Amino acid sequence: MSRPTVPILSVDIITDASIRLLETTGTFTIPKLAKSLGVTPSSLYNHVSGREEIIELMRGELLERFPVEGDETIGRDDWEGLVLGTVRALRRTYAAVPALVPLLFWQTVSHPAVVASYDRLATRFSKAGFADDELIPLISMLDSFAYGAALDIKAPSEVWRFSEIPGNEDSNPSPLQRALAANDAETRAERSFEYGCQLLIAGLRQRMPR
């Protein structure tokens, strides 16, 4: 009689299964992950140390899936190109598996490749003349912007709905009503993101040392 087949585990298999679990169920727990792989929870610990390491592995995997566009062609002194490339890559990353994002933000970033990518960004800012005490706020701001822009992709096509404006006795449309009437709902999220990118770069230019 042949022995029952034992699922083969590896770090890559565990990482991919964890991402699929979040994509399909929106939740992540060690017991659910083990069940999806057809193994016991204890079997996972032969390959990973626990939940925190798995989350960092997923973080690193998404970095590989969504690298900075044009990374190889961005010049060493081109901080603007790196900022835009990084924000766009982060937005794609966060939009790919929305259920993973809170787990990423609630946990210290420790994946070596991801830390290296942030370090590269900080180095580019530093070479451009930004002070050390500005680097953490700068990077945190970019992360937050990318996260919000990723969530906005899933927003309803009708973001604002008017019934009436309290205290508005003017029969003319308000500025927001006029803007909504001319708005292309299908492209709103993308246009808003690119507009935000322009404002980011313009604002950062203003902050640079003269």
Protein backbone atom coordinates (compact mmCIF):
# COMPACT_ATOMS: atom_id res chain seq x y z
CA MET A 1 0.00 0.00 0.00
CA SER A 2 1.43 3.36 -1.01
CA ARG A 3 1.86 6.05 1.56
CA PRO A 4 -0.49 9.07 1.44
CA THR A 5 0.94 11.98 -0.46
CA VAL A 6 2.43 14.62 1.80
CA PRO A 7 2.24 18.17 0.41
CA ILE A 8 5.68 19.58 -0.32
CA LEU A 9 6.29 22.87 1.43
CA SER A 10 8.79 25.62 0.81
CA VAL A 11 9.10 29.28 1.65
CA ASP A 12 7.92 30.23 -1.85
CA ILE A 13 4.92 27.91 -1.70
CA ILE A 14 3.92 29.29 1.70
CA THR A 15 4.30 32.88 0.47
CA ASP A 16 2.24 32.33 -2.68
CA ALA A 17 -0.46 30.47 -0.76
CA SER A 18 -0.67 33.28 1.78
CA ILE A 19 -1.23 35.86 -0.95
CA ARG A 20 -3.89 33.67 -2.58
CA LEU A 21 -5.63 33.27 0.77
CA LEU A 22 -5.84 37.04 1.19
CA GLU A 23 -6.98 37.49 -2.40
CA THR A 24 -9.77 34.93 -2.09
CA THR A 25 -10.93 35.32 1.51
CA GLY A 26 -9.65 38.72 2.60
CA THR A 27 -8.27 37.19 5.80
CA PHE A 28 -5.03 35.58 6.91
CA THR A 29 -4.39 33.23 9.81
CA ILE A 30 -1.90 30.42 10.29
CA PRO A 31 -4.65 27.75 10.68
CA LYS A 32 -6.41 28.92 7.49
CA LEU A 33 -3.11 28.96 5.62
CA ALA A 34 -2.27 25.46 6.77
CA LYS A 35 -5.71 24.20 5.78
CA SER A 36 -5.38 25.73 2.31
CA LEU A 37 -2.11 23.87 1.87
CA GLY A 38 -3.43 20.62 3.30
CA VAL A 39 -0.94 20.53 6.15
CA THR A 40 -0.92 21.08 9.90
CA PRO A 41 0.07 24.49 11.31
CA SER A 42 3.13 22.92 12.92
CA SER A 43 4.39 21.88 9.47
CA LEU A 44 4.66 25.52 8.45
CA TYR A 45 7.08 26.24 11.28
CA ASN A 46 9.65 23.95 9.67
CA HIS A 47 10.02 26.65 7.01
CA VAL A 48 8.99 29.96 8.59
CA SER A 49 9.17 31.36 12.09
CA GLY A 50 5.56 32.52 12.18
CA ARG A 51 2.98 35.06 11.07
CA GLU A 52 5.33 38.06 11.11
CA GLU A 53 7.85 36.42 8.81
CA ILE A 54 5.11 35.31 6.39
CA ILE A 55 3.78 38.86 6.15
CA GLU A 56 7.29 40.13 5.39
CA LEU A 57 7.70 37.41 2.77
CA MET A 58 4.49 38.60 1.12
CA ARG A 59 5.80 42.17 1.24
CA GLY A 60 8.97 41.09 -0.53
CA GLU A 61 7.07 39.03 -3.10
CA LEU A 62 4.91 41.99 -4.06
CA LEU A 63 8.02 44.13 -4.47
CA GLU A 64 9.24 41.60 -7.03
CA ARG A 65 5.88 41.53 -8.80
CA PHE A 66 5.56 45.31 -8.95
CA PRO A 67 9.03 46.83 -9.34
CA VAL A 68 9.69 50.50 -9.97
CA GLU A 69 8.97 51.16 -13.64
CA GLY A 70 12.02 52.23 -15.61
CA ASP A 71 14.21 51.48 -12.61
CA GLU A 72 17.23 50.70 -14.77
CA THR A 73 16.96 53.94 -16.72
CA ILE A 74 16.42 56.32 -13.79
CA GLY A 75 19.59 58.35 -13.36
CA ARG A 76 21.46 58.37 -10.08
CA ASP A 77 20.66 62.04 -9.53
CA ASP A 78 17.06 61.83 -10.76
CA TRP A 79 15.18 61.97 -7.47
CA GLU A 80 11.96 63.02 -9.19
CA GLY A 81 11.97 59.98 -11.45
CA LEU A 82 12.60 57.67 -8.52
CA VAL A 83 9.84 59.28 -6.44
CA LEU A 84 7.26 58.94 -9.24
CA GLY A 85 8.37 55.41 -10.06
CA THR A 86 8.23 54.38 -6.41
CA VAL A 87 4.80 55.89 -5.75
CA ARG A 88 3.35 54.25 -8.87
CA ALA A 89 4.87 50.89 -7.91
CA LEU A 90 3.53 51.18 -4.35
CA ARG A 91 0.07 52.04 -5.65
CA ARG A 92 0.03 48.96 -7.87
CA THR A 93 1.30 46.86 -4.98
CA TYR A 94 -1.35 48.02 -2.51
CA ALA A 95 -4.14 47.76 -5.09
CA ALA A 96 -3.16 44.19 -6.01
CA VAL A 97 -4.01 42.70 -2.60
CA PRO A 98 -5.97 45.29 -0.59
CA ALA A 99 -6.55 42.92 2.33
CA LEU A 100 -2.79 42.64 2.83
CA VAL A 101 -2.21 46.38 3.20
CA PRO A 102 -3.37 46.77 6.84
CA LEU A 103 -1.11 43.86 7.80
CA LEU A 104 1.83 45.59 6.12
CA PHE A 105 1.17 48.92 7.81
CA TRP A 106 0.70 47.38 11.26
CA GLN A 107 4.06 45.63 11.16
CA THR A 108 7.67 46.78 11.13
CA VAL A 109 9.20 46.60 7.67
CA SER A 110 12.07 44.13 7.86
CA HIS A 111 12.27 42.36 4.49
CA PRO A 112 15.84 43.12 3.28
CA ALA A 113 14.87 43.95 -0.31
CA VAL A 114 12.05 46.25 0.79
CA VAL A 115 14.20 48.03 3.36
CA ALA A 116 16.87 48.45 0.67
CA SER A 117 14.33 50.07 -1.66
CA TYR A 118 13.35 52.61 1.00
CA ASP A 119 17.00 53.20 1.82
CA ARG A 120 17.70 53.91 -1.82
CA LEU A 121 14.90 56.46 -1.87
CA ALA A 122 16.21 58.12 1.29
CA THR A 123 19.71 58.23 -0.18
CA ARG A 124 18.41 59.91 -3.33
CA PHE A 125 16.55 62.50 -1.24
CA SER A 126 19.67 63.11 0.83
CA LYS A 127 21.83 63.66 -2.26
CA ALA A 128 19.23 66.10 -3.57
CA GLY A 129 19.76 68.21 -0.45
CA PHE A 130 16.95 67.18 1.89
CA ALA A 131 17.93 67.12 5.56
CA ASP A 132 18.05 63.88 7.52
CA ASP A 133 15.14 64.94 9.73
CA GLU A 134 12.97 65.27 6.60
CA LEU A 135 13.61 61.77 5.24
CA ILE A 136 11.19 59.79 7.43
CA PRO A 137 8.30 62.25 6.96
CA LEU A 138 8.98 62.29 3.21
CA ILE A 139 8.93 58.52 2.83
CA SER A 140 5.93 58.13 5.13
CA MET A 141 4.04 60.74 3.12
CA LEU A 142 4.75 58.90 -0.15
CA ASP A 143 3.60 55.61 1.38
CA SER A 144 0.38 57.16 2.68
CA PHE A 145 -0.35 58.84 -0.65
CA ALA A 146 0.17 55.58 -2.54
CA TYR A 147 -2.06 53.69 -0.09
CA GLY A 148 -4.88 56.21 -0.39
CA ALA A 149 -4.57 56.25 -4.18
CA ALA A 150 -4.71 52.44 -4.25
CA LEU A 151 -7.92 52.40 -2.22
CA ASP A 152 -9.38 55.08 -4.49
CA ILE A 153 -9.15 52.68 -7.43
CA LYS A 154 -11.96 50.65 -5.85
CA ALA A 155 -14.13 53.68 -5.04
CA PRO A 156 -17.63 53.80 -6.56
CA SER A 157 -18.00 55.62 -9.85
CA GLU A 158 -20.33 58.08 -8.09
CA VAL A 159 -18.11 59.37 -5.31
CA TRP A 160 -20.37 62.30 -4.27
CA ARG A 161 -24.16 62.46 -4.52
CA PHE A 162 -26.06 65.69 -3.98
CA SER A 163 -29.57 65.93 -2.63
CA GLU A 164 -29.49 69.51 -1.45
CA ILE A 165 -26.94 71.79 0.12
CA PRO A 166 -28.02 73.01 3.58
CA GLY A 167 -28.24 76.75 3.70
CA ASN A 168 -27.75 77.16 -0.03
CA GLU A 169 -30.55 79.37 -1.31
CA ASP A 170 -28.77 80.05 -4.58
CA SER A 171 -30.33 78.11 -7.45
CA ASN A 172 -27.05 78.03 -9.32
CA PRO A 173 -24.93 74.85 -9.08
CA SER A 174 -22.18 74.88 -6.51
CA PRO A 175 -18.53 74.57 -7.65
CA LEU A 176 -18.52 70.88 -6.73
CA GLN A 177 -21.76 70.27 -8.63
CA ARG A 178 -20.28 71.94 -11.70
CA ALA A 179 -17.14 69.86 -11.39
CA LEU A 180 -19.14 66.65 -11.04
CA ALA A 181 -21.22 67.48 -14.09
CA ALA A 182 -18.05 67.71 -16.18
CA ASN A 183 -16.27 64.81 -14.49
CA ASP A 184 -15.37 61.59 -16.32
CA ALA A 185 -16.08 58.98 -13.66
CA GLU A 186 -14.19 56.25 -15.51
CA THR A 187 -10.88 58.12 -15.42
CA ARG A 188 -11.35 60.06 -12.16
CA ALA A 189 -9.13 57.86 -10.00
CA GLU A 190 -6.26 57.80 -12.50
CA ARG A 191 -6.47 61.54 -13.18
CA SER A 192 -6.61 62.28 -9.46
CA PHE A 193 -3.55 60.12 -8.82
CA GLU A 194 -1.49 61.73 -11.57
CA TYR A 195 -2.57 65.19 -10.39
CA GLY A 196 -1.46 64.26 -6.89
CA CYS A 197 1.90 63.13 -8.27
CA GLN A 198 2.36 66.51 -9.94
CA LEU A 199 1.56 68.30 -6.68
CA LEU A 200 3.97 66.06 -4.78
CA ILE A 201 6.85 66.85 -7.10
CA ALA A 202 6.02 70.57 -7.18
CA GLY A 203 5.83 70.69 -3.38
CA LEU A 204 9.11 68.81 -2.97
CA ARG A 205 10.84 71.15 -5.39
CA GLN A 206 9.73 74.06 -3.19
CA ARG A 207 11.23 72.34 -0.13
CA MET A 208 14.63 71.78 -1.73
CA PRO A 209 17.51 73.96 -0.50
CA ARG A 210 18.15 76.97 -2.68
